[in-house]
Amino acid sequence: MRILVTGVTGQLGYDAARVLRGRGVEIVGTTRQEMPLGAPDEARAFVERTRPDAVIHCAAYTAVDRAEEEAEFCHVVNGSATQAIAEACENVGAKLVYISTDYVFPGTGVVFYETDDAVAPCNAYGASKLAGERAVRDAMASGRFFIVRTSWVFGIHGRNFIRTILGLAKTRDTLTVVDDQIGSPTYTADLAILLADMVESDKFGVYHATNEGVCSWAELAAEAIRLRGLRTKVTPVPSDMYPTKAVRPKNSRLSKSSLDRGGFRRLPDWKDAVKRYLTELDAIGE
C-alpha cells in the first residue's frame, strides 16, 4: 500500500507517517513547498501524478485567530484545496482520510456532539473546515472517504498548548487559564494509530476521535504542570478575561459512539496520554 500524507512535518502528519512506516507502508510525505494548498490545482496535480492508494490529509490552515483576517485564504487552503485533493483521489481510485475539527459545531450546551448533529461553525476556521468536509462528500461519489473530527491536538513534532504551558511554568509562579471551554485533548501518537487502522480498512464514514474523558484548558494545564513536578499554580478564569479575534467554542465534547459502530478501538484516557507525551518530551530533552 502506498499512502500520501500531507503536512508530514506537522504534529499529526509526522506521527501518521511514523506509525504507517512502522507497519511497512510506503509513505509519500508532503510539505507546503511540495504541495502548496494555496494553489489547489497544484495540489490536484500532485495527487494525480503520485497516484497513491490512499491520502491522509493532515495539512491545514490552523491559525484560528488569523483566519478571521485571512478568511478567504483560509477557505482556499482548507476548502478549495481539499476539494481538489478529493477530486484527484476519486480520479485515481484512492481512499481519502480528511482531518476535521470540533469547530464545525456551534460549541454551545453541554452534550456530546454526535457525527450527524447539526453543524454551525462559530468562526472562520471552523467554516473553512466544514467547507472541506462538504467538498469531500460532494467530490467522492464512490464514498471511499473518512472524515475524522478531532480536537485539542498535541504531539511531539510541533507547537501546542501543553508545550506552551510548560514553558511558561518554568518562569512563573501563577498562570491564568480559561476554565469554561470544555473538550478532550488528543495525543497525535494515539490518533495516528487509529488513522492507520482506518485507512487499512473499508469502514468509510464520519468519525469523532479524541482521547477519552473531558476537561477544561485550566485542568489540562494543571495536569501537565503536576506531572512535570512544577509548583506553578493555575488560576481558572472565564473566557471573557481573554478576548480573542475568533470566537472559541465552549463545548467541544465529541461523542465517540461512531468509533464503536465502526469497530474501532477508542483512544486511551487523556490523562494517560498527557503522561506518555511528557515521557516522549523527556526522551528528547525537553
C-alpha atoms as a PDB file:
ATOM      1  CA  MET A   1       0.000   0.000   0.000  1.00  0.00           C
ATOM      2  CA  ARG A   2       1.249   3.472  -0.882  1.00  0.00           C
ATOM      3  CA  ILE A   3      -0.087   6.358   1.181  1.00  0.00           C
ATOM      4  CA  LEU A   4       0.330  10.082   0.659  1.00  0.00           C
ATOM      5  CA  VAL A   5       0.438  12.011   3.954  1.00  0.00           C
ATOM      6  CA  THR A   6       0.011  15.762   3.631  1.00  0.00           C
ATOM      7  CA  GLY A   7       1.543  18.022   6.263  1.00  0.00           C
ATOM      8  CA  VAL A   8       4.125  15.405   7.166  1.00  0.00           C
ATOM      9  CA  THR A   9       6.166  17.917   9.194  1.00  0.00           C
ATOM     10  CA  GLY A  10       3.178  18.839  11.359  1.00  0.00           C
ATOM     11  CA  GLN A  11       2.154  17.173  14.609  1.00  0.00           C
ATOM     12  CA  LEU A  12      -0.374  14.707  13.227  1.00  0.00           C
ATOM     13  CA  GLY A  13       1.215  14.172   9.814  1.00  0.00           C
ATOM     14  CA  TYR A  14       4.532  13.341  11.459  1.00  0.00           C
ATOM     15  CA  ASP A  15       3.014  10.693  13.720  1.00  0.00           C
ATOM     16  CA  ALA A  16       0.768   9.281  10.998  1.00  0.00           C
ATOM     17  CA  ALA A  17       3.783   8.742   8.759  1.00  0.00           C
ATOM     18  CA  ARG A  18       5.762   7.265  11.662  1.00  0.00           C
ATOM     19  CA  VAL A  19       3.048   4.733  12.512  1.00  0.00           C
ATOM     20  CA  LEU A  20       2.493   3.710   8.894  1.00  0.00           C
ATOM     21  CA  ARG A  21       6.209   3.276   8.217  1.00  0.00           C
ATOM     22  CA  GLY A  22       6.339   1.033  11.276  1.00  0.00           C
ATOM     23  CA  ARG A  23       3.736  -1.145   9.578  1.00  0.00           C
ATOM     24  CA  GLY A  24       5.830  -1.393   6.438  1.00  0.00           C
ATOM     25  CA  VAL A  25       3.691   1.005   4.416  1.00  0.00           C
ATOM     26  CA  GLU A  26       5.299   3.087   1.673  1.00  0.00           C
ATOM     27  CA  ILE A  27       4.849   6.766   2.538  1.00  0.00           C
ATOM     28  CA  VAL A  28       4.888   9.825   0.308  1.00  0.00           C
ATOM     29  CA  GLY A  29       5.114  12.762   2.710  1.00  0.00           C
ATOM     30  CA  THR A  30       4.441  16.308   1.537  1.00  0.00           C
ATOM     31  CA  THR A  31       5.140  19.767   2.901  1.00  0.00           C
ATOM     32  CA  ARG A  32       3.642  23.089   1.847  1.00  0.00           C
ATOM     33  CA  GLN A  33       6.579  23.599  -0.524  1.00  0.00           C
ATOM     34  CA  GLU A  34       5.997  20.329  -2.361  1.00  0.00           C
ATOM     35  CA  MET A  35       2.215  20.511  -2.357  1.00  0.00           C
ATOM     36  CA  PRO A  36       1.057  24.120  -1.852  1.00  0.00           C
ATOM     37  CA  LEU A  37      -2.533  24.130  -0.620  1.00  0.00           C
ATOM     38  CA  GLY A  38      -2.838  27.778  -1.525  1.00  0.00           C
ATOM     39  CA  ALA A  39      -2.761  26.578  -5.148  1.00  0.00           C
ATOM     40  CA  PRO A  40      -5.480  23.898  -5.383  1.00  0.00           C
ATOM     41  CA  ASP A  41      -4.684  22.973  -8.992  1.00  0.00           C
ATOM     42  CA  GLU A  42      -1.119  22.132  -7.979  1.00  0.00           C
ATOM     43  CA  ALA A  43      -2.403  20.004  -5.108  1.00  0.00           C
ATOM     44  CA  ARG A  44      -4.694  18.133  -7.502  1.00  0.00           C
ATOM     45  CA  ALA A  45      -1.876  17.582  -9.970  1.00  0.00           C
ATOM     46  CA  PHE A  46       0.435  16.261  -7.243  1.00  0.00           C
ATOM     47  CA  VAL A  47      -2.068  13.599  -6.197  1.00  0.00           C
ATOM     48  CA  GLU A  48      -2.819  12.584  -9.770  1.00  0.00           C
ATOM     49  CA  ARG A  49       0.886  12.392 -10.582  1.00  0.00           C
ATOM     50  CA  THR A  50       1.691  10.395  -7.441  1.00  0.00           C
ATOM     51  CA  ARG A  51      -1.311   8.038  -7.760  1.00  0.00           C
ATOM     52  CA  PRO A  52      -1.332   6.785  -4.152  1.00  0.00           C
ATOM     53  CA  ASP A  53      -3.643   4.081  -2.833  1.00  0.00           C
ATOM     54  CA  ALA A  54      -4.781   6.479  -0.133  1.00  0.00           C
ATOM     55  CA  VAL A  55      -4.307  10.043   1.101  1.00  0.00           C
ATOM     56  CA  ILE A  56      -4.301  11.089   4.752  1.00  0.00           C
ATOM     57  CA  HIS A  57      -4.900  14.814   4.542  1.00  0.00           C
ATOM     58  CA  CYS A  58      -3.439  16.314   7.735  1.00  0.00           C
ATOM     59  CA  ALA A  59      -2.207  19.641   6.328  1.00  0.00           C
ATOM     60  CA  ALA A  60      -4.428  22.644   7.003  1.00  0.00           C
ATOM     61  CA  TYR A  61      -4.599  26.329   7.797  1.00  0.00           C
ATOM     62  CA  THR A  62      -4.854  26.229  11.608  1.00  0.00           C
ATOM     63  CA  ALA A  63      -4.139  29.805  12.769  1.00  0.00           C
ATOM     64  CA  VAL A  64      -7.612  30.283  14.239  1.00  0.00           C
ATOM     65  CA  ASP A  65      -7.355  33.980  15.140  1.00  0.00           C
ATOM     66  CA  ARG A  66      -5.502  34.999  11.989  1.00  0.00           C
ATOM     67  CA  ALA A  67      -8.173  33.238   9.955  1.00  0.00           C
ATOM     68  CA  GLU A  68     -10.611  35.978  10.935  1.00  0.00           C
ATOM     69  CA  GLU A  69      -8.470  38.407   8.924  1.00  0.00           C
ATOM     70  CA  GLU A  70      -7.496  35.914   6.206  1.00  0.00           C
ATOM     71  CA  ALA A  71     -10.829  34.136   5.833  1.00  0.00           C
ATOM     72  CA  GLU A  72     -10.613  33.927   2.044  1.00  0.00           C
ATOM     73  CA  PHE A  73      -7.146  32.369   2.031  1.00  0.00           C
ATOM     74  CA  CYS A  74      -8.111  30.047   4.904  1.00  0.00           C
ATOM     75  CA  HIS A  75     -11.064  28.868   2.815  1.00  0.00           C
ATOM     76  CA  VAL A  76      -8.807  28.238  -0.176  1.00  0.00           C
ATOM     77  CA  VAL A  77      -6.429  26.094   1.889  1.00  0.00           C
ATOM     78  CA  ASN A  78      -9.000  24.180   3.938  1.00  0.00           C
ATOM     79  CA  GLY A  79     -11.887  24.163   1.488  1.00  0.00           C
ATOM     80  CA  SER A  80     -10.820  24.561  -2.138  1.00  0.00           C
ATOM     81  CA  ALA A  81      -7.586  22.577  -1.838  1.00  0.00           C
ATOM     82  CA  THR A  82      -9.422  19.782  -0.043  1.00  0.00           C
ATOM     83  CA  GLN A  83     -11.916  19.705  -2.899  1.00  0.00           C
ATOM     84  CA  ALA A  84      -9.059  19.425  -5.402  1.00  0.00           C
ATOM     85  CA  ILE A  85      -7.450  16.598  -3.413  1.00  0.00           C
ATOM     86  CA  ALA A  86     -10.784  14.785  -3.094  1.00  0.00           C
ATOM     87  CA  GLU A  87     -11.430  15.070  -6.830  1.00  0.00           C
ATOM     88  CA  ALA A  88      -7.961  13.718  -7.534  1.00  0.00           C
ATOM     89  CA  CYS A  89      -8.498  10.817  -5.141  1.00  0.00           C
ATOM     90  CA  GLU A  90     -11.732   9.948  -6.912  1.00  0.00           C
ATOM     91  CA  ASN A  91      -9.976  10.148 -10.286  1.00  0.00           C
ATOM     92  CA  VAL A  92      -7.164   7.775  -9.311  1.00  0.00           C
ATOM     93  CA  GLY A  93      -9.256   5.470  -7.120  1.00  0.00           C
ATOM     94  CA  ALA A  94      -7.589   6.421  -3.837  1.00  0.00           C
ATOM     95  CA  LYS A  95      -9.154   6.432  -0.395  1.00  0.00           C
ATOM     96  CA  LEU A  96      -9.143   9.768   1.458  1.00  0.00           C
ATOM     97  CA  VAL A  97      -8.871  10.491   5.162  1.00  0.00           C
ATOM     98  CA  TYR A  98      -9.784  14.129   5.853  1.00  0.00           C
ATOM     99  CA  ILE A  99      -8.943  15.541   9.276  1.00  0.00           C
ATOM    100  CA  SER A 100     -11.626  17.907  10.514  1.00  0.00           C
ATOM    101  CA  THR A 101     -12.430  19.589  13.809  1.00  0.00           C
ATOM    102  CA  ASP A 102     -14.911  20.108  16.621  1.00  0.00           C
ATOM    103  CA  TYR A 103     -15.086  23.708  15.385  1.00  0.00           C
ATOM    104  CA  VAL A 104     -17.665  22.703  12.760  1.00  0.00           C
ATOM    105  CA  PHE A 105     -20.218  22.644  15.598  1.00  0.00           C
ATOM    106  CA  PRO A 106     -21.660  25.751  17.315  1.00  0.00           C
ATOM    107  CA  GLY A 107     -19.868  24.912  20.563  1.00  0.00           C
ATOM    108  CA  THR A 108     -22.815  25.548  22.866  1.00  0.00           C
ATOM    109  CA  GLY A 109     -24.547  23.464  25.523  1.00  0.00           C
ATOM    110  CA  VAL A 110     -23.064  20.574  27.478  1.00  0.00           C
ATOM    111  CA  VAL A 111     -23.993  17.480  25.458  1.00  0.00           C
ATOM    112  CA  PHE A 112     -21.550  15.390  23.441  1.00  0.00           C
ATOM    113  CA  TYR A 113     -21.879  16.115  19.731  1.00  0.00           C
ATOM    114  CA  GLU A 114     -22.750  13.120  17.552  1.00  0.00           C
ATOM    115  CA  THR A 115     -21.437  12.838  13.998  1.00  0.00           C
ATOM    116  CA  ASP A 116     -24.832  13.669  12.486  1.00  0.00           C
ATOM    117  CA  ASP A 117     -25.669  16.636  14.729  1.00  0.00           C
ATOM    118  CA  ALA A 118     -26.335  19.998  13.094  1.00  0.00           C
ATOM    119  CA  VAL A 119     -23.202  21.931  12.189  1.00  0.00           C
ATOM    120  CA  ALA A 120     -22.853  25.700  12.619  1.00  0.00           C
ATOM    121  CA  PRO A 121     -19.261  26.975  12.927  1.00  0.00           C
ATOM    122  CA  CYS A 122     -18.697  29.979  15.176  1.00  0.00           C
ATOM    123  CA  ASN A 123     -15.572  31.270  13.399  1.00  0.00           C
ATOM    124  CA  ALA A 124     -13.846  31.435  10.012  1.00  0.00           C
ATOM    125  CA  TYR A 125     -11.555  28.496  10.706  1.00  0.00           C
ATOM    126  CA  GLY A 126     -14.484  26.237  11.539  1.00  0.00           C
ATOM    127  CA  ALA A 127     -16.347  27.383   8.436  1.00  0.00           C
ATOM    128  CA  SER A 128     -13.342  26.555   6.250  1.00  0.00           C
ATOM    129  CA  LYS A 129     -13.011  23.061   7.708  1.00  0.00           C
ATOM    130  CA  LEU A 130     -16.727  22.457   7.203  1.00  0.00           C
ATOM    131  CA  ALA A 131     -16.275  23.538   3.584  1.00  0.00           C
ATOM    132  CA  GLY A 132     -13.597  20.867   3.337  1.00  0.00           C
ATOM    133  CA  GLU A 133     -15.957  18.233   4.732  1.00  0.00           C
ATOM    134  CA  ARG A 134     -18.639  19.145   2.222  1.00  0.00           C
ATOM    135  CA  ALA A 135     -16.123  19.127  -0.617  1.00  0.00           C
ATOM    136  CA  VAL A 136     -15.087  15.573   0.276  1.00  0.00           C
ATOM    137  CA  ARG A 137     -18.692  14.361   0.353  1.00  0.00           C
ATOM    138  CA  ASP A 138     -19.522  16.070  -2.954  1.00  0.00           C
ATOM    139  CA  ALA A 139     -16.379  15.069  -4.839  1.00  0.00           C
ATOM    140  CA  MET A 140     -16.206  11.415  -3.822  1.00  0.00           C
ATOM    141  CA  ALA A 141     -19.298   9.726  -5.207  1.00  0.00           C
ATOM    142  CA  SER A 142     -17.609   6.383  -4.524  1.00  0.00           C
ATOM    143  CA  GLY A 143     -17.920   7.064  -0.779  1.00  0.00           C
ATOM    144  CA  ARG A 144     -14.337   5.911  -0.238  1.00  0.00           C
ATOM    145  CA  PHE A 145     -13.553   8.528   2.398  1.00  0.00           C
ATOM    146  CA  PHE A 146     -13.190   9.033   6.132  1.00  0.00           C
ATOM    147  CA  ILE A 147     -13.955  12.372   7.766  1.00  0.00           C
ATOM    148  CA  VAL A 148     -12.330  12.394  11.206  1.00  0.00           C
ATOM    149  CA  ARG A 149     -13.182  15.234  13.574  1.00  0.00           C
ATOM    150  CA  THR A 150     -10.773  15.762  16.440  1.00  0.00           C
ATOM    151  CA  SER A 151      -9.877  18.454  18.979  1.00  0.00           C
ATOM    152  CA  TRP A 152      -7.163  19.953  21.196  1.00  0.00           C
ATOM    153  CA  VAL A 153      -4.316  18.217  19.403  1.00  0.00           C
ATOM    154  CA  PHE A 154      -0.827  17.821  20.877  1.00  0.00           C
ATOM    155  CA  GLY A 155       2.191  15.884  19.654  1.00  0.00           C
ATOM    156  CA  ILE A 156       5.957  15.640  19.712  1.00  0.00           C
ATOM    157  CA  HIS A 157       6.601  17.363  16.395  1.00  0.00           C
ATOM    158  CA  GLY A 158       5.331  20.919  16.728  1.00  0.00           C
ATOM    159  CA  ARG A 159       3.973  23.626  18.987  1.00  0.00           C
ATOM    160  CA  ASN A 160       0.914  23.047  21.131  1.00  0.00           C
ATOM    161  CA  PHE A 161      -0.859  24.154  24.297  1.00  0.00           C
ATOM    162  CA  ILE A 162       0.979  21.778  26.650  1.00  0.00           C
ATOM    163  CA  ARG A 163       4.415  22.809  25.393  1.00  0.00           C
ATOM    164  CA  THR A 164       3.468  26.465  25.786  1.00  0.00           C
ATOM    165  CA  ILE A 165       2.147  25.987  29.320  1.00  0.00           C
ATOM    166  CA  LEU A 166       5.212  24.057  30.475  1.00  0.00           C
ATOM    167  CA  GLY A 167       7.489  26.706  29.022  1.00  0.00           C
ATOM    168  CA  LEU A 168       5.643  29.446  30.913  1.00  0.00           C
ATOM    169  CA  ALA A 169       5.516  27.404  34.110  1.00  0.00           C
ATOM    170  CA  LYS A 170       9.299  27.288  34.289  1.00  0.00           C
ATOM    171  CA  THR A 171       9.447  31.031  34.931  1.00  0.00           C
ATOM    172  CA  ARG A 172       6.117  31.910  36.560  1.00  0.00           C
ATOM    173  CA  ASP A 173       4.572  31.174  39.928  1.00  0.00           C
ATOM    174  CA  THR A 174       1.000  31.557  38.676  1.00  0.00           C
ATOM    175  CA  LEU A 175      -0.753  31.101  35.338  1.00  0.00           C
ATOM    176  CA  THR A 176      -4.303  32.139  34.491  1.00  0.00           C
ATOM    177  CA  VAL A 177      -6.045  29.715  32.115  1.00  0.00           C
ATOM    178  CA  VAL A 178      -9.643  29.617  30.892  1.00  0.00           C
ATOM    179  CA  ASP A 179     -11.895  27.038  32.518  1.00  0.00           C
ATOM    180  CA  ASP A 180     -15.218  27.461  30.691  1.00  0.00           C
ATOM    181  CA  GLN A 181     -14.150  25.796  27.439  1.00  0.00           C
ATOM    182  CA  ILE A 182     -14.611  22.044  27.781  1.00  0.00           C
ATOM    183  CA  GLY A 183     -13.265  19.399  25.427  1.00  0.00           C
ATOM    184  CA  SER A 184     -10.950  16.433  25.004  1.00  0.00           C
ATOM    185  CA  PRO A 185      -7.186  16.620  24.417  1.00  0.00           C
ATOM    186  CA  THR A 186      -5.914  14.413  21.599  1.00  0.00           C
ATOM    187  CA  TYR A 187      -2.416  12.931  21.503  1.00  0.00           C
ATOM    188  CA  THR A 188      -1.312  12.593  17.898  1.00  0.00           C
ATOM    189  CA  ALA A 189       0.587   9.380  18.653  1.00  0.00           C
ATOM    190  CA  ASP A 190      -2.738   7.785  19.638  1.00  0.00           C
ATOM    191  CA  LEU A 191      -4.776   9.331  16.841  1.00  0.00           C
ATOM    192  CA  ALA A 192      -2.195   8.240  14.264  1.00  0.00           C
ATOM    193  CA  ILE A 193      -2.710   4.588  15.197  1.00  0.00           C
ATOM    194  CA  LEU A 194      -6.447   4.966  14.680  1.00  0.00           C
ATOM    195  CA  LEU A 195      -5.937   6.666  11.305  1.00  0.00           C
ATOM    196  CA  ALA A 196      -3.675   3.831  10.190  1.00  0.00           C
ATOM    197  CA  ASP A 197      -6.319   1.292  11.236  1.00  0.00           C
ATOM    198  CA  MET A 198      -8.956   3.236   9.327  1.00  0.00           C
ATOM    199  CA  VAL A 199      -7.029   3.681   6.104  1.00  0.00           C
ATOM    200  CA  GLU A 200      -6.249  -0.039   6.041  1.00  0.00           C
ATOM    201  CA  SER A 201      -9.992  -0.754   6.245  1.00  0.00           C
ATOM    202  CA  ASP A 202     -13.067  -0.018   4.139  1.00  0.00           C
ATOM    203  CA  LYS A 203     -15.182   1.211   7.057  1.00  0.00           C
ATOM    204  CA  PHE A 204     -15.800   4.571   5.429  1.00  0.00           C
ATOM    205  CA  GLY A 205     -17.789   7.384   7.035  1.00  0.00           C
ATOM    206  CA  VAL A 206     -17.676  10.252   9.521  1.00  0.00           C
ATOM    207  CA  TYR A 207     -15.976   9.699  12.872  1.00  0.00           C
ATOM    208  CA  HIS A 208     -15.136  11.590  16.039  1.00  0.00           C
ATOM    209  CA  ALA A 209     -11.760  10.739  17.527  1.00  0.00           C
ATOM    210  CA  THR A 210     -10.164  12.192  20.664  1.00  0.00           C
ATOM    211  CA  ASN A 211      -8.643  10.769  23.791  1.00  0.00           C
ATOM    212  CA  GLU A 212     -11.277   9.669  26.305  1.00  0.00           C
ATOM    213  CA  GLY A 213     -12.579  11.985  29.002  1.00  0.00           C
ATOM    214  CA  VAL A 214     -13.107  15.734  29.060  1.00  0.00           C
ATOM    215  CA  CYS A 215     -11.530  18.676  30.849  1.00  0.00           C
ATOM    216  CA  SER A 216     -11.118  22.431  30.676  1.00  0.00           C
ATOM    217  CA  TRP A 217      -7.993  24.130  29.393  1.00  0.00           C
ATOM    218  CA  ALA A 218      -7.207  25.036  33.018  1.00  0.00           C
ATOM    219  CA  GLU A 219      -7.478  21.384  34.074  1.00  0.00           C
ATOM    220  CA  LEU A 220      -5.243  20.301  31.194  1.00  0.00           C
ATOM    221  CA  ALA A 221      -2.645  22.891  32.164  1.00  0.00           C
ATOM    222  CA  ALA A 222      -2.762  21.887  35.834  1.00  0.00           C
ATOM    223  CA  GLU A 223      -2.340  18.187  34.990  1.00  0.00           C
ATOM    224  CA  ALA A 224       0.674  18.811  32.750  1.00  0.00           C
ATOM    225  CA  ILE A 225       2.287  21.005  35.411  1.00  0.00           C
ATOM    226  CA  ARG A 226       1.579  18.428  38.151  1.00  0.00           C
ATOM    227  CA  LEU A 227       3.089  15.599  36.116  1.00  0.00           C
ATOM    228  CA  ARG A 228       6.173  17.723  35.461  1.00  0.00           C
ATOM    229  CA  GLY A 229       6.636  18.270  39.202  1.00  0.00           C
ATOM    230  CA  LEU A 230       6.451  22.035  38.849  1.00  0.00           C
ATOM    231  CA  ARG A 231       4.953  24.238  41.567  1.00  0.00           C
ATOM    232  CA  THR A 232       3.239  26.803  39.358  1.00  0.00           C
ATOM    233  CA  LYS A 233      -0.353  27.461  40.388  1.00  0.00           C
ATOM    234  CA  VAL A 234      -3.075  27.505  37.724  1.00  0.00           C
ATOM    235  CA  THR A 235      -5.813  30.072  38.341  1.00  0.00           C
ATOM    236  CA  PRO A 236      -9.018  29.292  36.391  1.00  0.00           C
ATOM    237  CA  VAL A 237     -10.678  32.280  34.706  1.00  0.00           C
ATOM    238  CA  PRO A 238     -13.631  32.753  32.316  1.00  0.00           C
ATOM    239  CA  SER A 239     -13.041  33.198  28.581  1.00  0.00           C
ATOM    240  CA  ASP A 240     -14.145  36.819  28.599  1.00  0.00           C
ATOM    241  CA  MET A 241     -10.993  37.689  30.533  1.00  0.00           C
ATOM    242  CA  TYR A 242      -9.008  36.687  27.437  1.00  0.00           C
ATOM    243  CA  PRO A 243     -10.900  38.059  24.424  1.00  0.00           C
ATOM    244  CA  THR A 244      -9.662  36.700  21.084  1.00  0.00           C
ATOM    245  CA  LYS A 245     -10.366  37.665  17.470  1.00  0.00           C
ATOM    246  CA  ALA A 246     -12.036  34.326  16.835  1.00  0.00           C
ATOM    247  CA  VAL A 247     -14.866  33.043  18.994  1.00  0.00           C
ATOM    248  CA  ARG A 248     -13.903  29.772  20.694  1.00  0.00           C
ATOM    249  CA  PRO A 249     -16.483  27.042  21.328  1.00  0.00           C
ATOM    250  CA  LYS A 250     -17.246  26.473  24.995  1.00  0.00           C
ATOM    251  CA  ASN A 251     -18.479  22.960  24.308  1.00  0.00           C
ATOM    252  CA  SER A 252     -16.062  20.800  22.317  1.00  0.00           C
ATOM    253  CA  ARG A 253     -17.342  17.474  23.638  1.00  0.00           C
ATOM    254  CA  LEU A 254     -17.372  14.870  20.849  1.00  0.00           C
ATOM    255  CA  SER A 255     -19.194  11.566  21.206  1.00  0.00           C
ATOM    256  CA  LYS A 256     -17.084   8.580  20.170  1.00  0.00           C
ATOM    257  CA  SER A 257     -20.036   6.265  19.524  1.00  0.00           C
ATOM    258  CA  SER A 258     -19.075   6.397  15.832  1.00  0.00           C
ATOM    259  CA  LEU A 259     -15.867   4.513  16.667  1.00  0.00           C
ATOM    260  CA  ASP A 260     -17.875   1.854  18.467  1.00  0.00           C
ATOM    261  CA  ARG A 261     -20.190   1.429  15.482  1.00  0.00           C
ATOM    262  CA  GLY A 262     -17.229   1.200  13.122  1.00  0.00           C
ATOM    263  CA  GLY A 263     -15.490  -1.416  15.249  1.00  0.00           C
ATOM    264  CA  PHE A 264     -12.524   0.815  16.041  1.00  0.00           C
ATOM    265  CA  ARG A 265     -10.855   0.950  19.441  1.00  0.00           C
ATOM    266  CA  ARG A 266     -11.315   4.185  21.386  1.00  0.00           C
ATOM    267  CA  LEU A 267      -8.236   6.201  22.290  1.00  0.00           C
ATOM    268  CA  PRO A 268      -6.861   5.999  25.876  1.00  0.00           C
ATOM    269  CA  ASP A 269      -7.833   8.462  28.610  1.00  0.00           C
ATOM    270  CA  TRP A 270      -6.461  11.972  28.145  1.00  0.00           C
ATOM    271  CA  LYS A 271      -4.528  11.938  31.437  1.00  0.00           C
ATOM    272  CA  ASP A 272      -2.728   8.774  30.389  1.00  0.00           C
ATOM    273  CA  ALA A 273      -1.989  10.407  27.033  1.00  0.00           C
ATOM    274  CA  VAL A 274      -0.508  13.507  28.652  1.00  0.00           C
ATOM    275  CA  LYS A 275       1.700  11.340  30.877  1.00  0.00           C
ATOM    276  CA  ARG A 276       3.034   9.419  27.881  1.00  0.00           C
ATOM    277  CA  TYR A 277       3.544  12.631  25.947  1.00  0.00           C
ATOM    278  CA  LEU A 278       5.697  14.062  28.746  1.00  0.00           C
ATOM    279  CA  THR A 279       7.755  10.864  28.695  1.00  0.00           C
ATOM    280  CA  GLU A 280       8.267  11.428  24.980  1.00  0.00           C
ATOM    281  CA  LEU A 281       9.375  15.013  25.675  1.00  0.00           C
ATOM    282  CA  ASP A 282      11.797  13.729  28.299  1.00  0.00           C
ATOM    283  CA  ALA A 283      13.332  11.453  25.699  1.00  0.00           C
ATOM    284  CA  ILE A 284      14.262  14.428  23.516  1.00  0.00           C
ATOM    285  CA  GLY A 285      15.481  16.525  26.435  1.00  0.00           C
ATOM    286  CA  GLU A 286      12.525  18.891  26.857  1.00  0.00           C
END
